[in-house]
Protein backbone atom coordinates (compact mmCIF):
# COMPACT_ATOMS: atom_id res chain seq x y z
CA UNK A 1 -127.16 44.25 67.29
CA UNK A 2 -130.13 41.60 68.08
CA UNK A 3 -132.65 42.23 70.60
CA UNK A 4 -132.64 41.09 74.04
CA UNK A 5 -135.60 39.40 75.11
CA UNK A 6 -137.01 39.66 78.66
CA UNK A 7 -137.78 36.43 80.57
CA UNK A 8 -139.58 36.58 83.69
CA UNK A 9 -137.52 35.27 86.33
CA UNK A 10 -138.89 31.80 87.79
CA UNK A 11 -138.43 32.92 90.84
CA UNK A 12 -141.17 37.03 90.68
CA UNK A 13 -144.16 36.58 92.22
CA UNK A 14 -147.21 35.88 90.44
CA UNK A 15 -149.24 39.15 90.44
CA UNK A 16 -151.47 39.86 93.51
CA UNK A 17 -155.75 39.18 92.56
CA UNK A 18 -157.69 42.66 93.05
CA UNK A 19 -158.85 42.48 97.09
CA UNK A 20 -162.43 40.63 97.27
CA UNK A 21 -164.68 42.92 98.83
CA UNK A 22 -163.88 42.61 102.90
CA UNK A 23 -165.91 45.77 103.95
CA UNK A 24 -169.28 45.91 104.59
CA UNK A 25 -170.83 50.24 104.48
CA UNK A 26 -174.44 50.91 106.07
CA UNK A 27 -175.85 54.12 105.59
CA UNK A 28 -179.30 54.91 107.88
CA UNK A 29 -181.80 55.79 105.48
CA UNK A 30 -183.01 58.44 105.97
CA UNK A 31 -180.50 59.92 109.10
CA UNK A 32 -180.68 59.01 112.44
CA UNK A 33 -182.59 62.46 112.63
CA UNK A 34 -185.95 61.81 110.61
CA UNK A 35 -185.87 58.53 111.38
CA UNK A 36 -186.25 59.42 115.98
CA UNK A 37 -189.58 61.70 114.92
CA UNK A 38 -190.66 58.40 113.48
CA UNK A 39 -189.92 56.55 115.95
CA UNK A 40 -191.49 59.20 118.81
CA UNK A 41 -194.87 60.37 116.19
CA UNK A 42 -195.94 56.62 115.12
CA UNK A 43 -197.33 57.12 111.39
CA UNK A 44 -195.24 60.28 110.85
CA UNK A 45 -193.51 58.26 108.42
CA UNK A 46 -196.03 58.73 105.49
CA UNK A 47 -195.96 63.21 105.74
CA UNK A 48 -193.23 64.94 104.16
CA UNK A 49 -190.67 66.00 107.49
CA UNK A 50 -188.02 68.12 107.73
CA UNK A 51 -186.03 68.57 110.82
CA UNK A 52 -184.50 72.38 111.43
CA UNK A 53 -183.50 73.78 113.95
CA UNK A 54 -185.46 77.43 114.61
CA UNK A 55 -183.60 79.73 112.41
CA UNK A 56 -181.27 77.34 111.14
CA UNK A 57 -180.92 75.48 107.90
CA UNK A 58 -182.65 71.97 107.58
CA UNK A 59 -180.10 69.51 109.63
CA UNK A 60 -182.27 66.15 108.11
CA UNK A 61 -185.13 65.87 105.62
CA UNK A 62 -187.19 62.36 105.13
CA UNK A 63 -187.06 60.63 101.78
CA UNK A 64 -191.07 62.37 100.48
CA UNK A 65 -188.95 65.85 101.10
CA UNK A 66 -185.90 64.99 99.23
CA UNK A 67 -187.84 63.45 96.25
CA UNK A 68 -189.23 67.22 95.82
CA UNK A 69 -185.48 68.57 95.23
CA UNK A 70 -184.87 69.72 99.10
CA UNK A 71 -182.15 68.65 100.77
CA UNK A 72 -179.94 69.46 104.46
CA UNK A 73 -177.99 72.47 104.33
CA UNK A 74 -181.04 74.53 103.09
CA UNK A 75 -183.06 76.72 104.47
CA UNK A 76 -186.91 76.39 105.03
CA UNK A 77 -187.45 78.64 103.14
CA UNK A 78 -186.30 76.55 100.30
CA UNK A 79 -187.52 73.71 101.49
CA UNK A 80 -191.08 75.35 101.46
CA UNK A 81 -190.79 76.20 98.05
CA UNK A 82 -190.13 72.69 96.92
CA UNK A 83 -191.91 71.09 99.43
CA UNK A 84 -194.95 72.78 100.67
CA UNK A 85 -196.27 70.30 102.37
CA UNK A 86 -193.33 69.55 104.74
CA UNK A 87 -193.67 69.65 107.84
CA UNK A 88 -190.37 70.92 109.82
CA UNK A 89 -190.11 69.73 113.67
CA UNK A 90 -187.40 71.25 115.85
CA UNK A 91 -184.25 67.64 116.53
CA UNK A 92 -184.56 65.21 119.16
CA UNK A 93 -180.17 64.58 119.13
CA UNK A 94 -181.13 62.53 122.19
CA UNK A 95 -183.60 60.09 120.81
CA UNK A 96 -181.20 60.19 118.07
CA UNK A 97 -178.35 59.41 119.84
CA UNK A 98 -180.20 56.42 121.00
CA UNK A 99 -181.12 55.20 117.95
CA UNK A 100 -177.77 54.95 116.82
CA UNK A 101 -176.81 53.14 119.79
CA UNK A 102 -179.29 50.42 118.97
CA UNK A 103 -178.32 50.18 114.98
CA UNK A 104 -174.96 49.40 116.34
CA UNK A 105 -175.51 47.11 118.95
CA UNK A 106 -177.95 45.89 116.20
CA UNK A 107 -174.87 45.41 113.62
CA UNK A 108 -172.24 43.31 116.14
CA UNK A 109 -174.59 41.16 116.42
CA UNK A 110 -174.00 40.40 112.65
CA UNK A 111 -169.92 41.64 112.80
CA UNK A 112 -167.55 41.40 115.35
CA UNK A 113 -165.98 44.32 114.07
CA UNK A 114 -168.06 47.55 114.11
CA UNK A 115 -166.89 51.07 113.03
CA UNK A 116 -169.24 53.76 113.99
CA UNK A 117 -168.21 56.55 111.40
CA UNK A 118 -170.48 59.23 110.97
CA UNK A 119 -173.27 59.38 114.13
CA UNK A 120 -174.73 62.01 112.77
CA UNK A 121 -175.53 61.07 108.61
CA UNK A 122 -175.77 57.17 109.89
CA UNK A 123 -173.18 55.48 108.33
CA UNK A 124 -171.37 52.50 109.85
CA UNK A 125 -168.49 50.39 108.15
CA UNK A 126 -168.62 45.98 109.30
CA UNK A 127 -165.52 44.03 108.76
CA UNK A 128 -166.89 41.35 106.25
CA UNK A 129 -163.89 39.57 106.78
CA UNK A 130 -163.95 35.38 108.15
CA UNK A 131 -167.81 35.30 108.16
CA UNK A 132 -167.59 33.65 104.81
CA UNK A 133 -168.65 30.30 106.86
CA UNK A 134 -171.51 32.23 109.13
CA UNK A 135 -173.48 34.81 106.79
CA UNK A 136 -172.15 34.24 103.40
CA UNK A 137 -169.81 36.23 100.71
CA UNK A 138 -169.03 39.86 101.61
CA UNK A 139 -172.92 40.81 99.78
CA UNK A 140 -174.87 38.14 101.92
CA UNK A 141 -173.31 40.02 104.93
CA UNK A 142 -174.40 43.34 103.87
CA UNK A 143 -178.16 41.92 103.29
CA UNK A 144 -177.85 40.43 107.13
CA UNK A 145 -177.21 43.89 108.08
CA UNK A 146 -179.70 45.06 106.85
CA UNK A 147 -181.68 41.99 108.65
CA UNK A 148 -180.71 43.16 111.94
CA UNK A 149 -181.45 46.71 111.52
CA UNK A 150 -184.95 46.12 109.90
CA UNK A 151 -185.26 44.02 112.87
CA UNK A 152 -185.71 46.96 115.39
CA UNK A 153 -187.92 49.14 112.91
CA UNK A 154 -183.82 51.08 111.22
CA UNK A 155 -184.09 51.85 107.95
CA UNK A 156 -181.03 51.14 106.04
CA UNK A 157 -178.88 50.72 102.77
CA UNK A 158 -175.82 48.40 102.34
CA UNK A 159 -172.90 47.83 99.65
CA UNK A 160 -169.57 45.76 100.04
CA UNK A 161 -165.84 46.68 98.87
CA UNK A 162 -161.92 46.48 99.31
CA UNK A 163 -162.20 49.90 101.04
CA UNK A 164 -164.52 52.66 102.65
CA UNK A 165 -165.66 55.13 99.71
CA UNK A 166 -166.45 51.95 97.65
CA UNK A 167 -168.48 50.51 100.15
CA UNK A 168 -170.29 53.74 101.19
CA UNK A 169 -170.68 54.70 97.43
CA UNK A 170 -173.06 51.65 96.92
CA UNK A 171 -174.91 51.63 99.91
CA UNK A 172 -175.89 54.69 98.60
CA UNK A 173 -176.83 53.54 95.43
CA UNK A 174 -180.60 52.77 95.42
CA UNK A 175 -180.44 49.06 93.46
CA UNK A 176 -183.65 46.78 92.46
CA UNK A 177 -181.95 43.99 93.68
CA UNK A 178 -180.65 44.77 97.44
CA UNK A 179 -177.05 45.43 98.28
CA UNK A 180 -174.14 44.67 96.09
CA UNK A 181 -170.71 43.92 96.02
CA UNK A 182 -167.73 44.56 93.70
CA UNK A 183 -164.05 44.41 93.30
CA UNK A 184 -160.87 45.28 91.24
CA UNK A 185 -162.08 47.03 87.84
CA UNK A 186 -165.28 47.03 88.62
CA UNK A 187 -164.80 49.33 91.93
CA UNK A 188 -162.38 51.11 90.17
CA UNK A 189 -165.16 51.77 87.36
CA UNK A 190 -167.39 52.44 89.92
CA UNK A 191 -165.86 54.67 92.07
CA UNK A 192 -164.85 57.27 88.39
CA UNK A 193 -168.04 57.43 87.61
CA UNK A 194 -169.53 59.15 90.77
CA UNK A 195 -170.35 62.44 90.55
CA UNK A 196 -168.29 65.36 92.22
CA UNK A 197 -170.89 66.02 94.32
CA UNK A 198 -171.43 62.67 95.84
CA UNK A 199 -171.42 62.77 99.39
CA UNK A 200 -169.11 59.71 99.92
CA UNK A 201 -166.20 62.62 98.77
CA UNK A 202 -167.29 64.95 101.40
CA UNK A 203 -166.57 68.17 99.26
CA UNK A 204 -168.68 70.79 100.54
CA UNK A 205 -171.51 72.21 98.12
CA UNK A 206 -168.74 75.55 97.25
CA UNK A 207 -165.95 72.56 96.45
CA UNK A 208 -167.96 71.40 94.01
CA UNK A 209 -169.46 74.03 92.51
CA UNK A 210 -165.84 75.14 91.78
CA UNK A 211 -164.33 71.99 90.03
CA UNK A 212 -167.54 71.93 87.99
CA UNK A 213 -166.61 75.62 87.38
CA UNK A 214 -163.26 73.61 85.59
CA UNK A 215 -164.57 71.11 84.35
CA UNK A 216 -164.33 68.75 86.88
CA UNK A 217 -167.73 66.70 86.87
CA UNK A 218 -166.61 62.80 88.35
CA UNK A 219 -164.24 61.58 91.02
CA UNK A 220 -162.34 59.33 87.58
CA UNK A 221 -161.57 63.38 86.18
CA UNK A 222 -160.52 64.37 89.88
CA UNK A 223 -158.31 61.72 90.06
CA UNK A 224 -156.37 62.39 86.91
CA UNK A 225 -155.18 65.55 88.22
CA UNK A 226 -151.17 66.25 89.87
CA UNK A 227 -152.18 66.20 93.46
CA UNK A 228 -150.14 69.37 93.76
CA UNK A 229 -152.34 71.42 91.27
CA UNK A 230 -155.36 70.11 93.50
CA UNK A 231 -153.73 71.55 97.31
CA UNK A 232 -152.73 74.40 95.28
CA UNK A 233 -156.12 75.31 93.99
CA UNK A 234 -158.69 73.46 95.70
CA UNK A 235 -157.12 73.19 99.13
CA UNK A 236 -156.88 70.44 102.14
CA UNK A 237 -160.61 69.67 101.38
CA UNK A 238 -160.17 69.25 97.61
CA UNK A 239 -156.76 67.35 98.46
CA UNK A 240 -158.17 64.96 100.76
CA UNK A 241 -161.52 64.33 98.28
CA UNK A 242 -158.25 63.48 95.63
CA UNK A 243 -156.66 61.25 98.04
CA UNK A 244 -160.28 59.12 98.88
CA UNK A 245 -160.67 58.46 94.93
CA UNK A 246 -156.74 57.60 94.02
CA UNK A 247 -157.61 54.78 96.20
CA UNK A 248 -154.50 56.17 98.98
CA UNK A 249 -154.32 53.32 101.64
CA UNK A 250 -157.03 53.56 104.27
CA UNK A 251 -156.98 52.98 108.32
CA UNK A 252 -157.68 50.00 110.29
CA UNK A 253 -161.19 50.22 111.63
CA UNK A 254 -161.64 51.33 114.63
CA UNK A 255 -163.97 49.12 116.67
CA UNK A 256 -167.17 50.44 118.78
CA UNK A 257 -168.25 48.93 121.75
CA UNK A 258 -171.27 49.43 124.17
CA UNK A 259 -171.23 51.84 126.75
CA UNK A 260 -170.95 50.81 130.35
CA UNK A 261 -174.50 50.54 131.58
CA UNK A 262 -175.68 51.02 135.27
CA UNK A 263 -178.82 49.37 136.00
CA UNK A 264 -181.50 50.59 138.92
CA UNK A 265 -184.56 48.39 139.34
CA UNK A 266 -187.59 49.28 142.38
CA UNK A 267 -190.63 47.17 142.55
CA UNK A 268 -194.48 48.19 143.84
CA UNK A 269 -196.61 45.32 144.47
CA UNK A 270 -199.89 47.46 143.88
CA UNK A 271 -200.58 49.30 140.63
CA UNK A 272 -201.01 53.20 139.66
CA UNK A 273 -203.15 55.55 137.51
CA UNK A 274 -201.99 57.89 139.69
CA UNK A 275 -199.00 60.20 137.01
CA UNK A 276 -197.66 61.34 141.02
CA UNK A 277 -196.85 57.68 142.26
CA UNK A 278 -194.72 57.08 138.64
CA UNK A 279 -192.38 60.28 138.65
CA UNK A 280 -191.93 59.53 142.23
CA UNK A 281 -190.53 56.42 141.12
CA UNK A 282 -188.62 57.34 138.22
CA UNK A 283 -187.19 60.38 140.69
CA UNK A 284 -186.10 57.71 143.29
CA UNK A 285 -184.21 55.39 140.77
CA UNK A 286 -182.30 58.38 138.93
CA UNK A 287 -181.35 59.38 142.75
CA UNK A 288 -179.72 55.55 142.45
CA UNK A 289 -178.62 56.30 139.59
CA UNK A 290 -176.86 59.41 140.05
CA UNK A 291 -175.19 58.05 143.22
CA UNK A 292 -173.54 55.20 140.62
CA UNK A 293 -172.36 58.15 138.38
CA UNK A 294 -171.12 59.78 141.26
CA UNK A 295 -169.19 57.15 142.50
CA UNK A 296 -167.15 56.68 139.73
CA UNK A 297 -163.41 57.41 139.63
CA UNK A 298 -163.05 61.11 138.29
CA UNK A 299 -166.81 61.73 138.52
CA UNK A 300 -168.54 65.44 140.17
CA UNK A 301 -171.02 64.84 142.47
CA UNK A 302 -172.61 68.04 140.58
CA UNK A 303 -172.77 66.09 137.51
CA UNK A 304 -174.76 63.26 138.70
CA UNK A 305 -177.71 65.64 139.99
CA UNK A 306 -181.03 64.48 138.73
CA UNK A 307 -183.70 66.34 138.15
CA UNK A 308 -186.42 64.11 136.92
CA UNK A 309 -189.66 66.25 137.33
CA UNK A 310 -189.03 68.71 135.00
CA UNK A 311 -189.39 68.16 131.90
CA UNK A 312 -191.75 68.08 129.08
CA UNK A 313 -194.58 66.05 128.83
CA UNK A 314 -194.60 62.85 128.27
CA UNK A 315 -194.54 61.30 124.64
CA UNK A 316 -194.91 58.19 122.53
CA UNK A 317 -192.00 56.15 121.42
CA UNK A 318 -193.02 52.92 119.70
CA UNK A 319 -189.71 51.61 120.85
CA UNK A 320 -188.86 50.47 124.55
CA UNK A 321 -185.39 50.77 124.02
CA UNK A 322 -186.11 55.11 123.30
CA UNK A 323 -188.34 55.50 126.15
CA UNK A 324 -187.04 57.89 129.16
CA UNK A 325 -188.73 55.62 131.79
CA UNK A 326 -191.66 53.06 133.26
CA UNK A 327 -193.22 50.45 134.50
CA UNK A 328 -192.36 46.77 132.76
CA UNK A 329 -195.67 44.01 133.20
CA UNK A 330 -193.71 40.76 134.91
CA UNK A 331 -196.99 39.17 134.48
CA UNK A 332 -200.52 38.70 134.90
CA UNK A 333 -203.47 38.56 131.78
CA UNK A 334 -204.54 41.06 128.92
CA UNK A 335 -202.73 43.00 126.76
CA UNK A 336 -199.65 45.32 128.26
CA UNK A 337 -200.31 48.79 128.42
CA UNK A 338 -198.95 51.14 125.35
CA UNK A 339 -195.07 52.61 126.60
CA UNK A 340 -194.89 55.98 127.11
CA UNK A 341 -191.95 58.04 128.46
CA UNK A 342 -192.23 59.81 131.45
CA UNK A 343 -190.75 62.76 132.74
CA UNK A 344 -187.55 62.47 133.51
CA UNK A 345 -183.84 62.98 133.15
CA UNK A 346 -180.26 62.61 134.91
CA UNK A 347 -177.08 63.66 134.51
CA UNK A 348 -175.50 64.58 131.84
CA UNK A 349 -172.51 62.61 131.10
CA UNK A 350 -171.12 63.24 127.79
CA UNK A 351 -168.32 65.33 128.73
CA UNK A 352 -164.73 64.19 129.34
CA UNK A 353 -164.92 63.00 132.28
CA UNK A 354 -166.07 59.92 130.94
CA UNK A 355 -169.33 59.65 132.74
CA UNK A 356 -173.12 58.86 131.38
CA UNK A 357 -176.24 60.11 130.87
CA UNK A 358 -179.20 58.24 133.33
CA UNK A 359 -181.94 56.99 131.01
CA UNK A 360 -184.71 54.53 131.87
CA UNK A 361 -185.44 52.17 129.65
CA UNK A 362 -189.19 51.15 129.85
CA UNK A 363 -192.28 53.44 129.76
CA UNK A 364 -196.06 52.88 130.67
CA UNK A 365 -198.89 55.21 131.12
CA UNK A 366 -202.70 54.17 132.00
CA UNK A 367 -203.85 51.80 133.62
CA UNK A 368 -201.65 48.86 135.34
CA UNK A 369 -203.39 45.60 136.96
CA UNK A 370 -202.82 44.92 140.78
CA UNK A 371 -199.61 42.94 139.40
CA UNK A 372 -196.47 42.53 140.85
CA UNK A 373 -194.77 45.65 138.39
CA UNK A 374 -191.64 46.48 138.40
CA UNK A 375 -189.60 50.35 136.99
CA UNK A 376 -185.84 49.75 135.68
CA UNK A 377 -183.76 52.25 135.09
CA UNK A 378 -180.09 52.05 132.84
CA UNK A 379 -177.57 54.62 132.98
CA UNK A 380 -174.90 54.92 130.08
């Protein structure tokens, strides 16, 4: 009996082409906790730096400390062995949160859809679809995102791919030619070549070590294992990494939107060199913002009680948006005074009641000329 050949049906749809890179990943480098210190202490980027709670493990390290072999999660003693010159500083979570918000605001100028994926590691995703006429292909969108961040003094890397895994893997790479974009087989090969301890896979150091002990050293080797075997041997953590590697459908991006902002403004006709006068102005602004916060639905008056004169002394903040309070010059001759953070804090509104933290937006110390001055305070 002869073998009958099968001819493709004329109605059969042709194979679909590989998905083009439609997603851009941006990774702040180094993490926000380190860049927040760079913002607060000019010149600190040139010194080895690590961030750690007193008595706790390192939360983040700068590139100089990382080049010496120290990584986040190690103890301070381990970091000292690898980088004796490392300076250990406590984390400033408030400054890091402000830096992260500034980064997200900058990214929204590039794409209307930005997902704040990981505020601690500084990972965000941008939807690159429909931006060809504005910025170009996905790699050009990634380059524009880096330019927007650089304009705010924020360092980052970027990459583009058909999904989160490929895009973030490329963003964590260090190509000399700038951001890359991959699709199809090239994207698949890039994922398969990832080492099993790559941060993008989300495996802990212990899980990666257990996988190495059984000969699984790359993401491709993990993806070739049966899902049942991975789940039974390595638990939910290993199974989640397996699903990322094998290309399970990803949920759509969750768009980030800027928080609501409250503003209070006080003006003084004469300048002042007295820090107590400035503190009184800041206290008045804080009280006004606290009243606005308390008027929000669901807010409790106790949550918005300001205490603006009990913080540590002011410290320099090169970026105006991270300052705690201050004076904005409205005109006149002469150089603008340096911007510094004045003592002050109002409220604590990151709870479930939907409030915000009152934080003034601009800072200044030193002699102020006899010009019309404006002290502006914002709350988000």
